[in-house]
PDB file of N, CA and C in Angstrom:
ATOM      1  N   UNK A   1      18.839  -0.770   4.270  1.00  0.00           N
ATOM      2  CA  UNK A   1      17.882  -0.188   5.206  1.00  0.00           C
ATOM      3  C   UNK A   1      17.109  -1.313   5.879  1.00  0.00           C
ATOM      4  N   UNK A   2      16.868  -1.147   7.133  1.00  0.00           N
ATOM      5  CA  UNK A   2      16.122  -2.120   7.917  1.00  0.00           C
ATOM      6  C   UNK A   2      14.640  -2.094   7.507  1.00  0.00           C
ATOM      7  N   UNK A   3      14.045  -3.264   7.196  1.00  0.00           N
ATOM      8  CA  UNK A   3      12.633  -3.261   6.799  1.00  0.00           C
ATOM      9  C   UNK A   3      11.702  -2.751   7.898  1.00  0.00           C
ATOM     10  N   UNK A   4      12.075  -2.947   9.157  1.00  0.00           N
ATOM     11  CA  UNK A   4      11.214  -2.473  10.248  1.00  0.00           C
ATOM     12  C   UNK A   4      11.157  -0.952  10.287  1.00  0.00           C
ATOM     13  N   UNK A   5      12.279  -0.304  10.025  1.00  0.00           N
ATOM     14  CA  UNK A   5      12.292   1.161   9.978  1.00  0.00           C
ATOM     15  C   UNK A   5      11.422   1.647   8.822  1.00  0.00           C
ATOM     16  N   UNK A   6      11.523   0.954   7.696  1.00  0.00           N
ATOM     17  CA  UNK A   6      10.726   1.360   6.552  1.00  0.00           C
ATOM     18  C   UNK A   6       9.235   1.153   6.814  1.00  0.00           C
ATOM     19  N   UNK A   7       8.879   0.088   7.494  1.00  0.00           N
ATOM     20  CA  UNK A   7       7.472  -0.147   7.825  1.00  0.00           C
ATOM     21  C   UNK A   7       6.976   0.950   8.775  1.00  0.00           C
ATOM     22  N   UNK A   8       7.837   1.383   9.678  1.00  0.00           N
ATOM     23  CA  UNK A   8       7.484   2.537  10.524  1.00  0.00           C
ATOM     24  C   UNK A   8       7.227   3.778   9.680  1.00  0.00           C
ATOM     25  N   UNK A   9       8.075   3.980   8.661  1.00  0.00           N
ATOM     26  CA  UNK A   9       7.849   5.092   7.743  1.00  0.00           C
ATOM     27  C   UNK A   9       6.517   4.932   7.013  1.00  0.00           C
ATOM     28  N   UNK A  10       6.188   3.700   6.599  1.00  0.00           N
ATOM     29  CA  UNK A  10       4.921   3.455   5.895  1.00  0.00           C
ATOM     30  C   UNK A  10       3.733   3.820   6.791  1.00  0.00           C
ATOM     31  N   UNK A  11       3.808   3.437   8.062  1.00  0.00           N
ATOM     32  CA  UNK A  11       2.741   3.793   8.998  1.00  0.00           C
ATOM     33  C   UNK A  11       2.634   5.308   9.169  1.00  0.00           C
ATOM     34  N   UNK A  12       3.773   5.970   9.314  1.00  0.00           N
ATOM     35  CA  UNK A  12       3.753   7.425   9.467  1.00  0.00           C
ATOM     36  C   UNK A  12       3.216   8.108   8.215  1.00  0.00           C
ATOM     37  N   UNK A  13       3.619   7.631   7.039  1.00  0.00           N
ATOM     38  CA  UNK A  13       3.106   8.203   5.793  1.00  0.00           C
ATOM     39  C   UNK A  13       1.601   7.996   5.691  1.00  0.00           C
ATOM     40  N   UNK A  14       1.142   6.805   6.066  1.00  0.00           N
ATOM     41  CA  UNK A  14      -0.301   6.522   6.026  1.00  0.00           C
ATOM     42  C   UNK A  14      -1.055   7.391   7.024  1.00  0.00           C
ATOM     43  N   UNK A  15      -0.477   7.589   8.191  1.00  0.00           N
ATOM     44  CA  UNK A  15      -1.096   8.466   9.184  1.00  0.00           C
ATOM     45  C   UNK A  15      -1.159   9.903   8.663  1.00  0.00           C
ATOM     46  N   UNK A  16      -0.113  10.330   7.989  1.00  0.00           N
ATOM     47  CA  UNK A  16      -0.112  11.663   7.386  1.00  0.00           C
ATOM     48  C   UNK A  16      -1.171  11.801   6.305  1.00  0.00           C
ATOM     49  N   UNK A  17      -1.312  10.772   5.477  1.00  0.00           N
ATOM     50  CA  UNK A  17      -2.349  10.788   4.440  1.00  0.00           C
ATOM     51  C   UNK A  17      -3.722  10.846   5.085  1.00  0.00           C
ATOM     52  N   UNK A  18      -3.913  10.071   6.140  1.00  0.00           N
ATOM     53  CA  UNK A  18      -5.195  10.100   6.854  1.00  0.00           C
ATOM     54  C   UNK A  18      -5.465  11.498   7.409  1.00  0.00           C
ATOM     55  N   UNK A  19      -4.450  12.117   7.989  1.00  0.00           N
ATOM     56  CA  UNK A  19      -4.608  13.459   8.530  1.00  0.00           C
ATOM     57  C   UNK A  19      -5.001  14.475   7.466  1.00  0.00           C
ATOM     58  N   UNK A  20      -4.369  14.370   6.304  1.00  0.00           N
ATOM     59  CA  UNK A  20      -4.710  15.282   5.207  1.00  0.00           C
ATOM     60  C   UNK A  20      -6.144  15.046   4.755  1.00  0.00           C
ATOM     61  N   UNK A  21      -6.541  13.782   4.639  1.00  0.00           N
ATOM     62  CA  UNK A  21      -7.903  13.457   4.212  1.00  0.00           C
ATOM     63  C   UNK A  21      -8.933  13.958   5.219  1.00  0.00           C
ATOM     64  N   UNK A  22      -8.665  13.776   6.500  1.00  0.00           N
ATOM     65  CA  UNK A  22      -9.609  14.223   7.533  1.00  0.00           C
ATOM     66  C   UNK A  22      -9.683  15.747   7.558  1.00  0.00           C
ATOM     67  N   UNK A  23      -8.565  16.415   7.337  1.00  0.00           N
ATOM     68  CA  UNK A  23      -8.591  17.873   7.241  1.00  0.00           C
ATOM     69  C   UNK A  23      -9.460  18.323   6.068  1.00  0.00           C
ATOM     70  N   UNK A  24      -9.402  17.562   4.987  1.00  0.00           N
ATOM     71  CA  UNK A  24     -10.183  17.885   3.803  1.00  0.00           C
ATOM     72  C   UNK A  24     -11.674  17.715   4.065  1.00  0.00           C
ATOM     73  N   UNK A  25     -12.054  16.577   4.664  1.00  0.00           N
ATOM     74  CA  UNK A  25     -13.466  16.323   4.964  1.00  0.00           C
ATOM     75  C   UNK A  25     -13.539  15.270   6.062  1.00  0.00           C
ATOM     76  N   UNK A  26     -13.850  15.675   7.277  1.00  0.00           N
ATOM     77  CA  UNK A  26     -13.804  14.765   8.427  1.00  0.00           C
ATOM     78  C   UNK A  26     -15.038  13.879   8.564  1.00  0.00           C
ATOM     79  N   UNK A  27     -15.996  14.023   7.690  1.00  0.00           N
ATOM     80  CA  UNK A  27     -17.218  13.227   7.788  1.00  0.00           C
ATOM     81  C   UNK A  27     -17.019  11.776   7.350  1.00  0.00           C
ATOM     82  N   UNK A  28     -15.999  11.499   6.562  1.00  0.00           N
ATOM     83  CA  UNK A  28     -15.838  10.188   5.933  1.00  0.00           C
ATOM     84  C   UNK A  28     -14.607   9.447   6.464  1.00  0.00           C
ATOM     85  N   UNK A  29     -14.462   9.360   7.759  1.00  0.00           N
ATOM     86  CA  UNK A  29     -13.280   8.748   8.365  1.00  0.00           C
ATOM     87  C   UNK A  29     -13.151   7.263   8.036  1.00  0.00           C
ATOM     88  N   UNK A  30     -14.247   6.528   8.048  1.00  0.00           N
ATOM     89  CA  UNK A  30     -14.187   5.093   7.765  1.00  0.00           C
ATOM     90  C   UNK A  30     -13.737   4.820   6.330  1.00  0.00           C
ATOM     91  N   UNK A  31     -14.207   5.626   5.398  1.00  0.00           N
ATOM     92  CA  UNK A  31     -13.793   5.477   4.003  1.00  0.00           C
ATOM     93  C   UNK A  31     -12.296   5.724   3.855  1.00  0.00           C
ATOM     94  N   UNK A  32     -11.801   6.736   4.569  1.00  0.00           N
ATOM     95  CA  UNK A  32     -10.370   7.032   4.516  1.00  0.00           C
ATOM     96  C   UNK A  32      -9.550   5.888   5.112  1.00  0.00           C
ATOM     97  N   UNK A  33     -10.014   5.361   6.227  1.00  0.00           N
ATOM     98  CA  UNK A  33      -9.286   4.261   6.870  1.00  0.00           C
ATOM     99  C   UNK A  33      -9.237   3.042   5.963  1.00  0.00           C
ATOM    100  N   UNK A  34     -10.358   2.685   5.359  1.00  0.00           N
ATOM    101  CA  UNK A  34     -10.368   1.553   4.430  1.00  0.00           C
ATOM    102  C   UNK A  34      -9.460   1.802   3.232  1.00  0.00           C
ATOM    103  N   UNK A  35      -9.521   3.011   2.691  1.00  0.00           N
ATOM    104  CA  UNK A  35      -8.702   3.345   1.530  1.00  0.00           C
ATOM    105  C   UNK A  35      -7.215   3.344   1.818  1.00  0.00           C
ATOM    106  N   UNK A  36      -6.852   3.552   3.055  1.00  0.00           N
ATOM    107  CA  UNK A  36      -5.435   3.574   3.437  1.00  0.00           C
ATOM    108  C   UNK A  36      -4.974   2.204   3.926  1.00  0.00           C
ATOM    109  N   UNK A  37      -5.818   1.495   4.631  1.00  0.00           N
ATOM    110  CA  UNK A  37      -5.423   0.222   5.246  1.00  0.00           C
ATOM    111  C   UNK A  37      -5.108  -0.858   4.212  1.00  0.00           C
ATOM    112  N   UNK A  38      -5.832  -0.871   3.116  1.00  0.00           N
ATOM    113  CA  UNK A  38      -5.625  -1.929   2.121  1.00  0.00           C
ATOM    114  C   UNK A  38      -4.245  -1.818   1.474  1.00  0.00           C
ATOM    115  N   UNK A  39      -3.856  -0.660   0.899  1.00  0.00           N
ATOM    116  CA  UNK A  39      -2.506  -0.585   0.333  1.00  0.00           C
ATOM    117  C   UNK A  39      -1.401  -0.723   1.376  1.00  0.00           C
ATOM    118  N   UNK A  40      -1.671  -0.273   2.607  1.00  0.00           N
ATOM    119  CA  UNK A  40      -0.669  -0.395   3.665  1.00  0.00           C
ATOM    120  C   UNK A  40      -0.408  -1.859   3.998  1.00  0.00           C
ATOM    121  N   UNK A  41      -1.458  -2.646   4.156  1.00  0.00           N
ATOM    122  CA  UNK A  41      -1.293  -4.065   4.478  1.00  0.00           C
ATOM    123  C   UNK A  41      -0.565  -4.802   3.355  1.00  0.00           C
ATOM    124  N   UNK A  42      -0.955  -4.540   2.128  1.00  0.00           N
ATOM    125  CA  UNK A  42      -0.306  -5.199   0.990  1.00  0.00           C
ATOM    126  C   UNK A  42       1.145  -4.742   0.877  1.00  0.00           C
ATOM    127  N   UNK A  43       1.402  -3.470   1.108  1.00  0.00           N
ATOM    128  CA  UNK A  43       2.770  -2.951   1.044  1.00  0.00           C
ATOM    129  C   UNK A  43       3.683  -3.581   2.080  1.00  0.00           C
ATOM    130  N   UNK A  44       3.177  -3.791   3.282  1.00  0.00           N
ATOM    131  CA  UNK A  44       3.978  -4.430   4.329  1.00  0.00           C
ATOM    132  C   UNK A  44       4.332  -5.858   3.930  1.00  0.00           C
ATOM    133  N   UNK A  45       3.372  -6.570   3.380  1.00  0.00           N
ATOM    134  CA  UNK A  45       3.633  -7.944   2.929  1.00  0.00           C
ATOM    135  C   UNK A  45       4.693  -7.960   1.837  1.00  0.00           C
ATOM    136  N   UNK A  46       4.588  -7.041   0.876  1.00  0.00           N
ATOM    137  CA  UNK A  46       5.563  -6.984  -0.224  1.00  0.00           C
ATOM    138  C   UNK A  46       6.957  -6.652   0.299  1.00  0.00           C
ATOM    139  N   UNK A  47       7.065  -5.756   1.257  1.00  0.00           N
ATOM    140  CA  UNK A  47       8.377  -5.404   1.810  1.00  0.00           C
ATOM    141  C   UNK A  47       9.012  -6.621   2.483  1.00  0.00           C
ATOM    142  N   UNK A  48       8.246  -7.334   3.298  1.00  0.00           N
ATOM    143  CA  UNK A  48       8.807  -8.511   3.963  1.00  0.00           C
ATOM    144  C   UNK A  48       9.177  -9.610   2.969  1.00  0.00           C
ATOM    145  N   UNK A  49       8.295  -9.907   2.026  1.00  0.00           N
ATOM    146  CA  UNK A  49       8.594 -10.949   1.051  1.00  0.00           C
ATOM    147  C   UNK A  49       9.758 -10.551   0.146  1.00  0.00           C
ATOM    148  N   UNK A  50       9.770  -9.291  -0.307  1.00  0.00           N
ATOM    149  CA  UNK A  50      10.868  -8.831  -1.157  1.00  0.00           C
ATOM    150  C   UNK A  50      12.199  -8.880  -0.444  1.00  0.00           C
ATOM    151  N   UNK A  51      12.218  -8.507   0.810  1.00  0.00           N
ATOM    152  CA  UNK A  51      13.450  -8.561   1.587  1.00  0.00           C
ATOM    153  C   UNK A  51      13.909 -10.004   1.789  1.00  0.00           C
ATOM    154  N   UNK A  52      12.962 -10.897   2.067  1.00  0.00           N
ATOM    155  CA  UNK A  52      13.304 -12.308   2.241  1.00  0.00           C
ATOM    156  C   UNK A  52      13.856 -12.904   0.949  1.00  0.00           C
ATOM    157  N   UNK A  53      13.215 -12.594  -0.178  1.00  0.00           N
ATOM    158  CA  UNK A  53      13.690 -13.114  -1.463  1.00  0.00           C
ATOM    159  C   UNK A  53      15.057 -12.541  -1.794  1.00  0.00           C
ATOM    160  N   UNK A  54      15.288 -11.283  -1.498  1.00  0.00           N
ATOM    161  CA  UNK A  54      16.590 -10.675  -1.756  1.00  0.00           C
ATOM    162  C   UNK A  54      17.696 -11.377  -0.961  1.00  0.00           C
ATOM    163  N   UNK A  55      17.394 -11.746   0.267  1.00  0.00           N
ATOM    164  CA  UNK A  55      18.403 -12.405   1.104  1.00  0.00           C
ATOM    165  C   UNK A  55      18.598 -13.870   0.743  1.00  0.00           C
ATOM    166  N   UNK A  56      17.541 -14.560   0.305  1.00  0.00           N
ATOM    167  CA  UNK A  56      17.623 -16.008   0.089  1.00  0.00           C
ATOM    168  C   UNK A  56      17.682 -16.443  -1.371  1.00  0.00           C
ATOM    169  N   UNK A  57      17.024 -15.737  -2.267  1.00  0.00           N
ATOM    170  CA  UNK A  57      16.986 -16.094  -3.691  1.00  0.00           C
ATOM    171  C   UNK A  57      17.071 -14.842  -4.553  1.00  0.00           C
ATOM    172  N   UNK A  58      18.193 -14.185  -4.582  1.00  0.00           N
ATOM    173  CA  UNK A  58      18.287 -12.907  -5.287  1.00  0.00           C
ATOM    174  C   UNK A  58      17.983 -12.995  -6.790  1.00  0.00           C
ATOM    175  N   UNK A  59      18.199 -14.148  -7.394  1.00  0.00           N
ATOM    176  CA  UNK A  59      17.934 -14.277  -8.832  1.00  0.00           C
ATOM    177  C   UNK A  59      16.434 -14.254  -9.138  1.00  0.00           C
ATOM    178  N   UNK A  60      15.606 -14.516  -8.155  1.00  0.00           N
ATOM    179  CA  UNK A  60      14.154 -14.546  -8.355  1.00  0.00           C
ATOM    180  C   UNK A  60      13.492 -13.203  -8.084  1.00  0.00           C
ATOM    181  N   UNK A  61      14.277 -12.183  -7.812  1.00  0.00           N
ATOM    182  CA  UNK A  61      13.724 -10.907  -7.375  1.00  0.00           C
ATOM    183  C   UNK A  61      12.889 -10.218  -8.451  1.00  0.00           C
ATOM    184  N   UNK A  62      13.387 -10.151  -9.668  1.00  0.00           N
ATOM    185  CA  UNK A  62      12.631  -9.497 -10.741  1.00  0.00           C
ATOM    186  C   UNK A  62      11.310 -10.219 -10.974  1.00  0.00           C
ATOM    187  N   UNK A  63      11.361 -11.523 -10.985  1.00  0.00           N
ATOM    188  CA  UNK A  63      10.144 -12.322 -11.158  1.00  0.00           C
ATOM    189  C   UNK A  63       9.155 -12.043 -10.026  1.00  0.00           C
ATOM    190  N   UNK A  64       9.673 -11.934  -8.814  1.00  0.00           N
ATOM    191  CA  UNK A  64       8.821 -11.633  -7.665  1.00  0.00           C
ATOM    192  C   UNK A  64       8.120 -10.291  -7.837  1.00  0.00           C
ATOM    193  N   UNK A  65       8.857  -9.267  -8.264  1.00  0.00           N
ATOM    194  CA  UNK A  65       8.254  -7.944  -8.398  1.00  0.00           C
ATOM    195  C   UNK A  65       7.194  -7.905  -9.495  1.00  0.00           C
ATOM    196  N   UNK A  66       7.428  -8.599 -10.587  1.00  0.00           N
ATOM    197  CA  UNK A  66       6.433  -8.647 -11.662  1.00  0.00           C
ATOM    198  C   UNK A  66       5.173  -9.355 -11.177  1.00  0.00           C
ATOM    199  N   UNK A  67       5.351 -10.512 -10.548  1.00  0.00           N
ATOM    200  CA  UNK A  67       4.197 -11.281 -10.052  1.00  0.00           C
ATOM    201  C   UNK A  67       3.480 -10.516  -8.941  1.00  0.00           C
ATOM    202  N   UNK A  68       4.231  -9.908  -8.030  1.00  0.00           N
ATOM    203  CA  UNK A  68       3.586  -9.188  -6.920  1.00  0.00           C
ATOM    204  C   UNK A  68       2.785  -7.993  -7.431  1.00  0.00           C
ATOM    205  N   UNK A  69       3.275  -7.314  -8.472  1.00  0.00           N
ATOM    206  CA  UNK A  69       2.519  -6.188  -9.005  1.00  0.00           C
ATOM    207  C   UNK A  69       1.224  -6.670  -9.654  1.00  0.00           C
ATOM    208  N   UNK A  70       1.295  -7.769 -10.387  1.00  0.00           N
ATOM    209  CA  UNK A  70       0.073  -8.304 -11.004  1.00  0.00           C
ATOM    210  C   UNK A  70      -0.925  -8.751  -9.936  1.00  0.00           C
ATOM    211  N   UNK A  71      -0.428  -9.401  -8.897  1.00  0.00           N
ATOM    212  CA  UNK A  71      -1.317  -9.833  -7.807  1.00  0.00           C
ATOM    213  C   UNK A  71      -1.926  -8.625  -7.103  1.00  0.00           C
ATOM    214  N   UNK A  72      -1.114  -7.580  -6.901  1.00  0.00           N
ATOM    215  CA  UNK A  72      -1.641  -6.358  -6.288  1.00  0.00           C
ATOM    216  C   UNK A  72      -2.805  -5.799  -7.099  1.00  0.00           C
ATOM    217  N   UNK A  73      -2.617  -5.701  -8.395  1.00  0.00           N
ATOM    218  CA  UNK A  73      -3.670  -5.116  -9.232  1.00  0.00           C
ATOM    219  C   UNK A  73      -4.941  -5.969  -9.208  1.00  0.00           C
ATOM    220  N   UNK A  74      -4.772  -7.285  -9.275  1.00  0.00           N
ATOM    221  CA  UNK A  74      -5.944  -8.171  -9.211  1.00  0.00           C
ATOM    222  C   UNK A  74      -6.622  -8.086  -7.846  1.00  0.00           C
ATOM    223  N   UNK A  75      -5.828  -8.092  -6.791  1.00  0.00           N
ATOM    224  CA  UNK A  75      -6.369  -8.021  -5.441  1.00  0.00           C
ATOM    225  C   UNK A  75      -7.085  -6.692  -5.197  1.00  0.00           C
ATOM    226  N   UNK A  76      -6.464  -5.595  -5.602  1.00  0.00           N
ATOM    227  CA  UNK A  76      -7.103  -4.297  -5.427  1.00  0.00           C
ATOM    228  C   UNK A  76      -8.408  -4.221  -6.207  1.00  0.00           C
ATOM    229  N   UNK A  77      -8.394  -4.720  -7.444  1.00  0.00           N
ATOM    230  CA  UNK A  77      -9.623  -4.719  -8.240  1.00  0.00           C
ATOM    231  C   UNK A  77     -10.717  -5.530  -7.586  1.00  0.00           C
ATOM    232  N   UNK A  78     -10.371  -6.702  -7.090  1.00  0.00           N
ATOM    233  CA  UNK A  78     -11.346  -7.565  -6.422  1.00  0.00           C
ATOM    234  C   UNK A  78     -11.892  -6.909  -5.155  1.00  0.00           C
ATOM    235  N   UNK A  79     -11.026  -6.332  -4.364  1.00  0.00           N
ATOM    236  CA  UNK A  79     -11.456  -5.667  -3.125  1.00  0.00           C
ATOM    237  C   UNK A  79     -12.373  -4.494  -3.436  1.00  0.00           C
ATOM    238  N   UNK A  80     -12.012  -3.704  -4.435  1.00  0.00           N
ATOM    239  CA  UNK A  80     -12.845  -2.552  -4.791  1.00  0.00           C
ATOM    240  C   UNK A  80     -14.212  -3.004  -5.292  1.00  0.00           C
ATOM    241  N   UNK A  81     -14.252  -4.044  -6.115  1.00  0.00           N
ATOM    242  CA  UNK A  81     -15.534  -4.567  -6.596  1.00  0.00           C
ATOM    243  C   UNK A  81     -16.387  -5.054  -5.433  1.00  0.00           C
ATOM    244  N   UNK A  82     -15.776  -5.791  -4.517  1.00  0.00           N
ATOM    245  CA  UNK A  82     -16.521  -6.299  -3.357  1.00  0.00           C
ATOM    246  C   UNK A  82     -17.037  -5.147  -2.500  1.00  0.00           C
ATOM    247  N   UNK A  83     -16.177  -4.185  -2.208  1.00  0.00           N
ATOM    248  CA  UNK A  83     -16.600  -3.055  -1.373  1.00  0.00           C
ATOM    249  C   UNK A  83     -17.705  -2.240  -2.038  1.00  0.00           C
ATOM    250  N   UNK A  84     -17.582  -2.018  -3.322  1.00  0.00           N
ATOM    251  CA  UNK A  84     -18.591  -1.199  -4.008  1.00  0.00           C
ATOM    252  C   UNK A  84     -19.927  -1.921  -4.117  1.00  0.00           C
ATOM    253  N   UNK A  85     -19.915  -3.239  -4.186  1.00  0.00           N
ATOM    254  CA  UNK A  85     -21.165  -3.981  -4.338  1.00  0.00           C
ATOM    255  C   UNK A  85     -21.845  -4.319  -3.020  1.00  0.00           C
ATOM    256  N   UNK A  86     -21.084  -4.465  -1.951  1.00  0.00           N
ATOM    257  CA  UNK A  86     -21.670  -4.954  -0.705  1.00  0.00           C
ATOM    258  C   UNK A  86     -21.676  -3.952   0.442  1.00  0.00           C
ATOM    259  N   UNK A  87     -21.046  -2.821   0.274  1.00  0.00           N
ATOM    260  CA  UNK A  87     -21.024  -1.823   1.346  1.00  0.00           C
ATOM    261  C   UNK A  87     -21.513  -0.495   0.807  1.00  0.00           C
ATOM    262  N   UNK A  88     -22.282   0.186   1.616  1.00  0.00           N
ATOM    263  CA  UNK A  88     -22.757   1.509   1.202  1.00  0.00           C
ATOM    264  C   UNK A  88     -21.942   2.562   1.942  1.00  0.00           C
ATOM    265  N   UNK A  89     -21.093   3.213   1.215  1.00  0.00           N
ATOM    266  CA  UNK A  89     -20.295   4.292   1.761  1.00  0.00           C
ATOM    267  C   UNK A  89     -19.906   5.210   0.618  1.00  0.00           C
ATOM    268  N   UNK A  90     -19.238   6.288   0.939  1.00  0.00           N
ATOM    269  CA  UNK A  90     -18.844   7.268  -0.075  1.00  0.00           C
ATOM    270  C   UNK A  90     -17.669   6.725  -0.885  1.00  0.00           C
ATOM    271  N   UNK A  91     -17.941   6.352  -2.100  1.00  0.00           N
ATOM    272  CA  UNK A  91     -16.927   5.733  -2.956  1.00  0.00           C
ATOM    273  C   UNK A  91     -15.830   6.715  -3.346  1.00  0.00           C
ATOM    274  N   UNK A  92     -16.197   7.956  -3.543  1.00  0.00           N
ATOM    275  CA  UNK A  92     -15.212   8.944  -3.975  1.00  0.00           C
ATOM    276  C   UNK A  92     -14.140   9.152  -2.911  1.00  0.00           C
ATOM    277  N   UNK A  93     -14.533   9.246  -1.661  1.00  0.00           N
ATOM    278  CA  UNK A  93     -13.566   9.453  -0.578  1.00  0.00           C
ATOM    279  C   UNK A  93     -12.680   8.224  -0.395  1.00  0.00           C
ATOM    280  N   UNK A  94     -13.264   7.046  -0.553  1.00  0.00           N
ATOM    281  CA  UNK A  94     -12.473   5.819  -0.487  1.00  0.00           C
ATOM    282  C   UNK A  94     -11.434   5.798  -1.604  1.00  0.00           C
ATOM    283  N   UNK A  95     -11.863   6.065  -2.823  1.00  0.00           N
ATOM    284  CA  UNK A  95     -10.958   6.021  -3.973  1.00  0.00           C
ATOM    285  C   UNK A  95      -9.848   7.061  -3.843  1.00  0.00           C
ATOM    286  N   UNK A  96     -10.186   8.262  -3.398  1.00  0.00           N
ATOM    287  CA  UNK A  96      -9.163   9.299  -3.249  1.00  0.00           C
ATOM    288  C   UNK A  96      -8.089   8.883  -2.244  1.00  0.00           C
ATOM    289  N   UNK A  97      -8.505   8.397  -1.088  1.00  0.00           N
ATOM    290  CA  UNK A  97      -7.510   7.989  -0.095  1.00  0.00           C
ATOM    291  C   UNK A  97      -6.751   6.746  -0.557  1.00  0.00           C
ATOM    292  N   UNK A  98      -7.437   5.837  -1.241  1.00  0.00           N
ATOM    293  CA  UNK A  98      -6.801   4.620  -1.749  1.00  0.00           C
ATOM    294  C   UNK A  98      -5.717   4.952  -2.773  1.00  0.00           C
ATOM    295  N   UNK A  99      -6.074   5.774  -3.749  1.00  0.00           N
ATOM    296  CA  UNK A  99      -5.112   6.117  -4.809  1.00  0.00           C
ATOM    297  C   UNK A  99      -3.934   6.896  -4.230  1.00  0.00           C
ATOM    298  N   UNK A 100      -4.216   7.846  -3.367  1.00  0.00           N
ATOM    299  CA  UNK A 100      -3.149   8.643  -2.758  1.00  0.00           C
ATOM    300  C   UNK A 100      -2.190   7.741  -1.974  1.00  0.00           C
ATOM    301  N   UNK A 101      -2.741   6.863  -1.171  1.00  0.00           N
ATOM    302  CA  UNK A 101      -1.916   5.963  -0.366  1.00  0.00           C
ATOM    303  C   UNK A 101      -1.166   4.969  -1.254  1.00  0.00           C
ATOM    304  N   UNK A 102      -1.831   4.431  -2.260  1.00  0.00           N
ATOM    305  CA  UNK A 102      -1.174   3.475  -3.164  1.00  0.00           C
ATOM    306  C   UNK A 102       0.025   4.117  -3.847  1.00  0.00           C
ATOM    307  N   UNK A 103      -0.152   5.307  -4.379  1.00  0.00           N
ATOM    308  CA  UNK A 103       0.933   5.976  -5.097  1.00  0.00           C
ATOM    309  C   UNK A 103       2.097   6.276  -4.161  1.00  0.00           C
ATOM    310  N   UNK A 104       1.802   6.820  -2.991  1.00  0.00           N
ATOM    311  CA  UNK A 104       2.869   7.164  -2.039  1.00  0.00           C
ATOM    312  C   UNK A 104       3.612   5.910  -1.582  1.00  0.00           C
ATOM    313  N   UNK A 105       2.866   4.875  -1.196  1.00  0.00           N
ATOM    314  CA  UNK A 105       3.527   3.672  -0.676  1.00  0.00           C
ATOM    315  C   UNK A 105       4.236   2.888  -1.776  1.00  0.00           C
ATOM    316  N   UNK A 106       3.653   2.828  -2.955  1.00  0.00           N
ATOM    317  CA  UNK A 106       4.299   2.089  -4.051  1.00  0.00           C
ATOM    318  C   UNK A 106       5.615   2.763  -4.449  1.00  0.00           C
ATOM    319  N   UNK A 107       5.608   4.076  -4.548  1.00  0.00           N
ATOM    320  CA  UNK A 107       6.848   4.788  -4.866  1.00  0.00           C
ATOM    321  C   UNK A 107       7.871   4.670  -3.745  1.00  0.00           C
ATOM    322  N   UNK A 108       7.421   4.730  -2.506  1.00  0.00           N
ATOM    323  CA  UNK A 108       8.370   4.592  -1.396  1.00  0.00           C
ATOM    324  C   UNK A 108       8.930   3.175  -1.316  1.00  0.00           C
ATOM    325  N   UNK A 109       8.130   2.169  -1.682  1.00  0.00           N
ATOM    326  CA  UNK A 109       8.650   0.797  -1.746  1.00  0.00           C
ATOM    327  C   UNK A 109       9.756   0.703  -2.789  1.00  0.00           C
ATOM    328  N   UNK A 110       9.561   1.333  -3.931  1.00  0.00           N
ATOM    329  CA  UNK A 110      10.584   1.314  -4.979  1.00  0.00           C
ATOM    330  C   UNK A 110      11.877   1.954  -4.480  1.00  0.00           C
ATOM    331  N   UNK A 111      11.763   3.064  -3.783  1.00  0.00           N
ATOM    332  CA  UNK A 111      12.950   3.731  -3.232  1.00  0.00           C
ATOM    333  C   UNK A 111      13.600   2.859  -2.164  1.00  0.00           C
ATOM    334  N   UNK A 112      12.787   2.226  -1.311  1.00  0.00           N
ATOM    335  CA  UNK A 112      13.320   1.345  -0.271  1.00  0.00           C
ATOM    336  C   UNK A 112      14.124   0.209  -0.893  1.00  0.00           C
ATOM    337  N   UNK A 113      13.572  -0.441  -1.908  1.00  0.00           N
ATOM    338  CA  UNK A 113      14.287  -1.563  -2.516  1.00  0.00           C
ATOM    339  C   UNK A 113      15.518  -1.099  -3.277  1.00  0.00           C
ATOM    340  N   UNK A 114      15.464   0.072  -3.873  1.00  0.00           N
ATOM    341  CA  UNK A 114      16.653   0.609  -4.551  1.00  0.00           C
ATOM    342  C   UNK A 114      17.773   0.832  -3.543  1.00  0.00           C
ATOM    343  N   UNK A 115      17.448   1.403  -2.392  1.00  0.00           N
ATOM    344  CA  UNK A 115      18.464   1.636  -1.353  1.00  0.00           C
ATOM    345  C   UNK A 115      18.945   0.303  -0.777  1.00  0.00           C
ATOM    346  N   UNK A 116      18.049  -0.642  -0.585  1.00  0.00           N
ATOM    347  CA  UNK A 116      18.412  -1.935  -0.006  1.00  0.00           C
ATOM    348  C   UNK A 116      19.343  -2.716  -0.924  1.00  0.00           C
ATOM    349  N   UNK A 117      19.125  -2.617  -2.228  1.00  0.00           N
ATOM    350  CA  UNK A 117      19.864  -3.452  -3.171  1.00  0.00           C
ATOM    351  C   UNK A 117      21.214  -2.855  -3.579  1.00  0.00           C
ATOM    352  N   UNK A 118      21.573  -1.702  -3.045  1.00  0.00           N
ATOM    353  CA  UNK A 118      22.885  -1.114  -3.393  1.00  0.00           C
ATOM    354  C   UNK A 118      24.000  -1.893  -2.761  1.00  0.00           C
TER     355      UNK A 118
END
């Protein structure tokens, strides 16, 4: 599968998540955008790096996925700590959109790489 097509899917999925969140409560649009943009940006980076490693160093792929997942968790934790300490906004709406987007994009990345590696 072409990584660009998959990134288009990631954007559409994120837009769909945003639409569902706004339908739920339209008062917290900025929180939803922040909660969706962070996993989306990290997911795009992982797709490009994973695809590059698959094409150039396939033996390093498992190591890449383990390291990238650990970096994701550390980065997400750091971002959440920074946002919660320095910005005043609705934390619950941010967390809901963040978790929803993270789960959808992380699972879709796994499916993308499974299809790519066949």
